[in-house]
Amino acid sequence: MKIKHAGVAVLLATALFVISGCDQAEKAAQQMLDKTAESAKQAIDDTHKAAEQALHDATGRPVEKEQPEQERQESSSHTI
């Protein structure tokens, strides 16, 4: 009977260990996704700036000033 109880305890401990490992993997994946999203946002911003500059160079029109960072973040959080 003791062996059966020990086996159940080992099984439960193993399950908890696997679950905690899954939590760590999930946190790592979320961090990676956050970094990837930030890199993609930066690439989009850089592309936008380059397109504005190219438009200015082609037309001679002045480029409109960008919104301040805080306003841009507020407007982007409303669209999500």
Protein backbone atom coordinates (compact mmCIF):
# COMPACT_ATOMS: atom_id res chain seq x y z
CA MET A 1 0.00 0.00 0.00
CA LYS A 2 2.89 2.37 0.78
CA ILE A 3 4.28 1.88 -2.73
CA LYS A 4 0.95 2.86 -4.24
CA HIS A 5 0.81 6.06 -2.15
CA ALA A 6 4.41 6.87 -3.04
CA GLY A 7 3.61 6.34 -6.72
CA VAL A 8 0.64 8.71 -6.49
CA ALA A 9 2.81 11.30 -4.72
CA VAL A 10 5.50 11.02 -7.38
CA LEU A 11 2.87 11.31 -10.11
CA LEU A 12 1.37 14.44 -8.53
CA ALA A 13 4.80 15.98 -8.00
CA THR A 14 5.70 15.28 -11.61
CA ALA A 15 2.45 16.84 -12.80
CA LEU A 16 3.14 19.99 -10.75
CA PHE A 17 6.67 20.14 -12.12
CA VAL A 18 5.38 19.88 -15.70
CA ILE A 19 2.74 22.55 -15.08
CA SER A 20 5.31 24.95 -13.61
CA GLY A 21 7.55 24.28 -16.62
CA CYS A 22 4.63 25.12 -18.90
CA ASP A 23 4.12 28.41 -17.06
CA GLN A 24 7.77 29.30 -17.59
CA ALA A 25 7.54 28.40 -21.26
CA GLU A 26 4.39 30.49 -21.61
CA LYS A 27 6.09 33.50 -19.98
CA ALA A 28 9.11 33.13 -22.24
CA ALA A 29 6.90 32.85 -25.32
CA GLN A 30 4.92 35.94 -24.27
CA GLN A 31 8.12 37.93 -23.80
CA MET A 32 9.33 36.84 -27.22
CA LEU A 33 5.99 37.83 -28.79
CA ASP A 34 6.13 41.23 -27.07
CA LYS A 35 9.65 41.84 -28.38
CA THR A 36 8.62 40.72 -31.86
CA ALA A 37 5.60 43.01 -31.82
CA GLU A 38 7.74 45.95 -30.71
CA SER A 39 10.27 45.22 -33.48
CA ALA A 40 7.48 45.03 -36.05
CA LYS A 41 6.03 48.34 -34.79
CA GLN A 42 9.45 49.97 -35.06
CA ALA A 43 9.88 48.64 -38.61
CA ILE A 44 6.46 50.03 -39.56
CA ASP A 45 7.32 53.42 -38.03
CA ASP A 46 10.66 53.51 -39.86
CA THR A 47 8.97 52.56 -43.14
CA HIS A 48 6.35 55.27 -42.61
CA LYS A 49 9.03 57.90 -41.99
CA ALA A 50 10.94 56.81 -45.11
CA ALA A 51 7.74 56.93 -47.19
CA GLU A 52 6.95 60.43 -45.91
CA GLN A 53 10.47 61.57 -46.76
CA ALA A 54 10.24 60.04 -50.24
CA LEU A 55 6.89 61.76 -50.78
CA HIS A 56 8.38 65.05 -49.65
CA ASP A 57 11.37 64.60 -51.95
CA ALA A 58 9.11 63.75 -54.90
CA THR A 59 6.52 66.50 -54.41
CA GLY A 60 8.43 69.19 -52.58
CA ARG A 61 5.60 69.46 -50.06
CA PRO A 62 6.55 69.68 -46.40
CA VAL A 63 5.99 66.57 -44.35
CA GLU A 64 3.31 66.91 -41.65
CA LYS A 65 4.64 66.78 -38.14
CA GLU A 66 4.08 63.53 -36.30
CA GLN A 67 1.75 63.22 -33.36
CA PRO A 68 3.47 63.17 -30.00
CA GLU A 69 4.27 59.66 -28.77
CA GLN A 70 1.61 59.73 -26.07
CA GLU A 71 -1.18 60.70 -28.51
CA ARG A 72 -0.07 58.01 -30.96
CA GLN A 73 -0.15 55.36 -28.24
CA GLU A 74 -3.60 56.48 -27.09
CA SER A 75 -4.99 56.38 -30.61
CA SER A 76 -3.45 52.96 -31.29
CA SER A 77 -4.83 51.51 -28.06
CA HIS A 78 -8.35 52.55 -29.12
CA THR A 79 -8.09 50.68 -32.41
CA ILE A 80 -7.15 47.35 -30.83
